[in-house]
Amino acid sequence: MQHRHLQSQEFTPAAVDDIIRRGGWRDWVALRRAAHRDAEVRERIRRVCGSLTREPRQENAQRLSFWNKYVQRLSATVG
C-alpha cells in the first residue's frame, strides 16, 4: 500500500497514523520492524496513538489502542 505521507522509508507521524488506520498486514509488519530498530519510531507511534486514544469513540480505536500498548511493552523490553 502506498501511503500518502511516507517519503522514502521515513516513518513520519502522518505516515504512522496512515499506516495504523488504513494499512494492511504488510504495512504493519514494516512498521513493527521499524519500531524494533528505532526508538524514534516507537516514540512517534506512542505520540500518534496516545493523542488519538483519548477519544473513546474514535474510529479505529482498537488499532490505535493495540499499537499504543505494543510500543509501551516493546519500550520496556528493548529499552
N, C-alpha and C. Protein backbone atom coordinates (compact mmCIF):
# COMPACT_ATOMS: atom_id res chain seq x y z
N MET A 1 0.85 -1.18 0.00
CA MET A 1 0.00 0.00 0.00
C MET A 1 0.89 1.23 0.00
N GLN A 2 0.63 2.12 -0.89
CA GLN A 2 1.36 3.38 -0.95
C GLN A 2 0.71 4.37 0.00
N HIS A 3 1.45 4.81 0.99
CA HIS A 3 0.88 5.75 1.97
C HIS A 3 1.23 7.16 1.58
N ARG A 4 0.27 8.00 1.69
CA ARG A 4 0.41 9.37 1.18
C ARG A 4 1.50 10.18 1.86
N HIS A 5 1.83 9.85 3.09
CA HIS A 5 2.81 10.65 3.83
C HIS A 5 4.15 9.97 3.99
N LEU A 6 4.32 8.81 3.39
CA LEU A 6 5.56 8.06 3.56
C LEU A 6 6.53 8.43 2.45
N GLN A 7 7.54 9.19 2.82
CA GLN A 7 8.55 9.62 1.86
C GLN A 7 9.79 8.79 2.12
N SER A 8 10.30 8.20 1.06
CA SER A 8 11.37 7.20 1.15
C SER A 8 10.97 6.18 2.20
N GLN A 9 11.76 5.94 3.21
CA GLN A 9 11.36 4.98 4.24
C GLN A 9 11.24 5.65 5.60
N GLU A 10 11.03 6.93 5.62
CA GLU A 10 10.91 7.66 6.88
C GLU A 10 9.49 7.53 7.43
N PHE A 11 9.36 7.13 8.67
CA PHE A 11 8.06 6.98 9.29
C PHE A 11 7.72 8.26 10.06
N THR A 12 7.18 9.22 9.33
CA THR A 12 6.75 10.48 9.94
C THR A 12 5.50 10.22 10.77
N PRO A 13 5.13 11.14 11.67
CA PRO A 13 3.88 10.95 12.41
C PRO A 13 2.66 10.77 11.50
N ALA A 14 2.61 11.52 10.42
CA ALA A 14 1.49 11.37 9.48
C ALA A 14 1.50 10.00 8.81
N ALA A 15 2.68 9.50 8.48
CA ALA A 15 2.80 8.17 7.88
C ALA A 15 2.41 7.08 8.88
N VAL A 16 2.83 7.23 10.12
CA VAL A 16 2.48 6.27 11.16
C VAL A 16 0.96 6.23 11.32
N ASP A 17 0.34 7.38 11.38
CA ASP A 17 -1.12 7.46 11.50
C ASP A 17 -1.80 6.79 10.31
N ASP A 18 -1.32 7.05 9.13
CA ASP A 18 -1.90 6.48 7.91
C ASP A 18 -1.74 4.96 7.89
N ILE A 19 -0.59 4.47 8.28
CA ILE A 19 -0.33 3.03 8.29
C ILE A 19 -1.24 2.33 9.31
N ILE A 20 -1.36 2.89 10.48
CA ILE A 20 -2.19 2.27 11.52
C ILE A 20 -3.66 2.28 11.11
N ARG A 21 -4.14 3.38 10.60
CA ARG A 21 -5.56 3.50 10.26
C ARG A 21 -5.95 2.79 8.97
N ARG A 22 -5.12 2.88 7.95
CA ARG A 22 -5.51 2.40 6.63
C ARG A 22 -4.68 1.24 6.11
N GLY A 23 -3.65 0.90 6.84
CA GLY A 23 -2.72 -0.12 6.36
C GLY A 23 -3.25 -1.53 6.51
N GLY A 24 -2.54 -2.42 5.88
CA GLY A 24 -2.84 -3.84 5.96
C GLY A 24 -1.71 -4.57 6.66
N TRP A 25 -1.77 -5.87 6.64
CA TRP A 25 -0.81 -6.71 7.33
C TRP A 25 0.64 -6.37 6.99
N ARG A 26 0.95 -6.26 5.70
CA ARG A 26 2.34 -5.99 5.29
C ARG A 26 2.82 -4.63 5.78
N ASP A 27 1.93 -3.66 5.77
CA ASP A 27 2.28 -2.32 6.25
C ASP A 27 2.60 -2.35 7.74
N TRP A 28 1.81 -3.11 8.49
CA TRP A 28 2.03 -3.19 9.94
C TRP A 28 3.32 -3.93 10.26
N VAL A 29 3.65 -4.92 9.45
CA VAL A 29 4.91 -5.64 9.65
C VAL A 29 6.09 -4.68 9.45
N ALA A 30 6.02 -3.85 8.43
CA ALA A 30 7.08 -2.87 8.18
C ALA A 30 7.18 -1.88 9.34
N LEU A 31 6.04 -1.43 9.85
CA LEU A 31 6.05 -0.51 10.98
C LEU A 31 6.60 -1.19 12.24
N ARG A 32 6.22 -2.44 12.44
CA ARG A 32 6.73 -3.20 13.58
C ARG A 32 8.24 -3.34 13.52
N ARG A 33 8.75 -3.67 12.35
CA ARG A 33 10.21 -3.81 12.20
C ARG A 33 10.91 -2.48 12.49
N ALA A 34 10.33 -1.40 11.98
CA ALA A 34 10.92 -0.08 12.21
C ALA A 34 10.89 0.27 13.70
N ALA A 35 9.81 -0.10 14.39
CA ALA A 35 9.70 0.17 15.82
C ALA A 35 10.74 -0.63 16.61
N HIS A 36 11.03 -1.84 16.18
CA HIS A 36 12.04 -2.65 16.86
C HIS A 36 13.44 -2.06 16.68
N ARG A 37 13.68 -1.46 15.53
CA ARG A 37 15.01 -0.92 15.23
C ARG A 37 15.25 0.48 15.79
N ASP A 38 14.18 1.28 15.90
CA ASP A 38 14.37 2.70 16.12
C ASP A 38 13.47 3.23 17.24
N ALA A 39 14.09 3.75 18.29
CA ALA A 39 13.33 4.31 19.41
C ALA A 39 12.52 5.53 18.98
N GLU A 40 13.02 6.25 18.00
CA GLU A 40 12.29 7.42 17.48
C GLU A 40 10.95 7.00 16.87
N VAL A 41 10.94 5.91 16.14
CA VAL A 41 9.69 5.42 15.55
C VAL A 41 8.74 4.99 16.66
N ARG A 42 9.25 4.34 17.69
CA ARG A 42 8.40 3.95 18.83
C ARG A 42 7.77 5.18 19.47
N GLU A 43 8.55 6.23 19.62
CA GLU A 43 8.02 7.46 20.22
C GLU A 43 6.96 8.09 19.33
N ARG A 44 7.16 8.06 18.03
CA ARG A 44 6.14 8.60 17.11
C ARG A 44 4.84 7.81 17.21
N ILE A 45 4.95 6.50 17.27
CA ILE A 45 3.75 5.66 17.41
C ILE A 45 3.04 6.01 18.71
N ARG A 46 3.81 6.13 19.78
CA ARG A 46 3.23 6.46 21.09
C ARG A 46 2.51 7.81 21.05
N ARG A 47 3.14 8.80 20.44
CA ARG A 47 2.51 10.12 20.37
C ARG A 47 1.24 10.10 19.52
N VAL A 48 1.30 9.46 18.36
CA VAL A 48 0.14 9.40 17.48
C VAL A 48 -1.02 8.67 18.17
N CYS A 49 -0.74 7.53 18.72
CA CYS A 49 -1.79 6.72 19.35
C CYS A 49 -2.27 7.33 20.66
N GLY A 50 -1.36 7.86 21.43
CA GLY A 50 -1.73 8.45 22.72
C GLY A 50 -2.66 9.63 22.58
N SER A 51 -2.42 10.45 21.60
CA SER A 51 -3.29 11.62 21.42
C SER A 51 -4.64 11.23 20.85
N LEU A 52 -4.69 10.14 20.11
CA LEU A 52 -5.94 9.75 19.47
C LEU A 52 -6.78 8.80 20.31
N THR A 53 -6.20 8.08 21.24
CA THR A 53 -6.98 7.14 22.04
C THR A 53 -7.75 7.83 23.16
N ARG A 54 -7.55 9.11 23.36
CA ARG A 54 -8.29 9.84 24.38
C ARG A 54 -9.75 10.01 24.00
N GLU A 55 -10.05 9.89 22.73
CA GLU A 55 -11.43 9.96 22.25
C GLU A 55 -12.00 8.54 22.26
N PRO A 56 -12.93 8.24 23.17
CA PRO A 56 -13.41 6.86 23.27
C PRO A 56 -14.14 6.35 22.03
N ARG A 57 -14.74 7.19 21.25
CA ARG A 57 -15.48 6.76 20.07
C ARG A 57 -14.67 6.96 18.79
N GLN A 58 -13.40 7.10 18.94
CA GLN A 58 -12.50 7.31 17.81
C GLN A 58 -12.58 6.15 16.83
N GLU A 59 -12.69 6.48 15.54
CA GLU A 59 -12.63 5.44 14.53
C GLU A 59 -11.26 4.76 14.60
N ASN A 60 -11.24 3.47 14.43
CA ASN A 60 -10.01 2.67 14.52
C ASN A 60 -9.43 2.64 15.93
N ALA A 61 -10.28 2.81 16.94
CA ALA A 61 -9.80 2.87 18.32
C ALA A 61 -9.07 1.59 18.73
N GLN A 62 -9.52 0.43 18.24
CA GLN A 62 -8.85 -0.81 18.60
C GLN A 62 -7.42 -0.86 18.05
N ARG A 63 -7.26 -0.43 16.81
CA ARG A 63 -5.92 -0.42 16.21
C ARG A 63 -5.01 0.53 16.97
N LEU A 64 -5.51 1.70 17.27
CA LEU A 64 -4.71 2.70 17.97
C LEU A 64 -4.33 2.20 19.37
N SER A 65 -5.28 1.59 20.05
CA SER A 65 -5.02 1.07 21.38
C SER A 65 -3.99 -0.06 21.32
N PHE A 66 -4.13 -0.95 20.34
CA PHE A 66 -3.17 -2.05 20.19
C PHE A 66 -1.76 -1.50 20.01
N TRP A 67 -1.58 -0.59 19.07
CA TRP A 67 -0.24 -0.07 18.79
C TRP A 67 0.32 0.70 19.98
N ASN A 68 -0.53 1.42 20.67
CA ASN A 68 -0.08 2.16 21.85
C ASN A 68 0.45 1.19 22.91
N LYS A 69 -0.29 0.12 23.18
CA LYS A 69 0.16 -0.87 24.16
C LYS A 69 1.38 -1.63 23.66
N TYR A 70 1.42 -1.89 22.38
CA TYR A 70 2.55 -2.62 21.81
C TYR A 70 3.86 -1.88 22.02
N VAL A 71 3.88 -0.58 21.70
CA VAL A 71 5.14 0.17 21.86
C VAL A 71 5.49 0.38 23.32
N GLN A 72 4.50 0.45 24.19
CA GLN A 72 4.80 0.55 25.63
C GLN A 72 5.54 -0.70 26.09
N ARG A 73 5.02 -1.85 25.72
CA ARG A 73 5.67 -3.11 26.12
C ARG A 73 7.03 -3.29 25.44
N LEU A 74 7.08 -2.92 24.18
CA LEU A 74 8.35 -3.03 23.44
C LEU A 74 9.41 -2.14 24.07
N SER A 75 9.03 -0.93 24.41
CA SER A 75 9.99 0.00 25.02
C SER A 75 10.48 -0.52 26.36
N ALA A 76 9.63 -1.22 27.08
CA ALA A 76 10.03 -1.77 28.37
C ALA A 76 11.03 -2.91 28.22
N THR A 77 10.93 -3.65 27.12
CA THR A 77 11.84 -4.78 26.93
C THR A 77 13.10 -4.42 26.15
N VAL A 78 12.93 -3.50 25.16
CA VAL A 78 14.07 -3.13 24.31
C VAL A 78 14.90 -2.03 24.95
N GLY A 79 14.20 -1.10 25.59
CA GLY A 79 14.94 -0.03 26.26
C GLY A 79 14.84 1.25 25.62
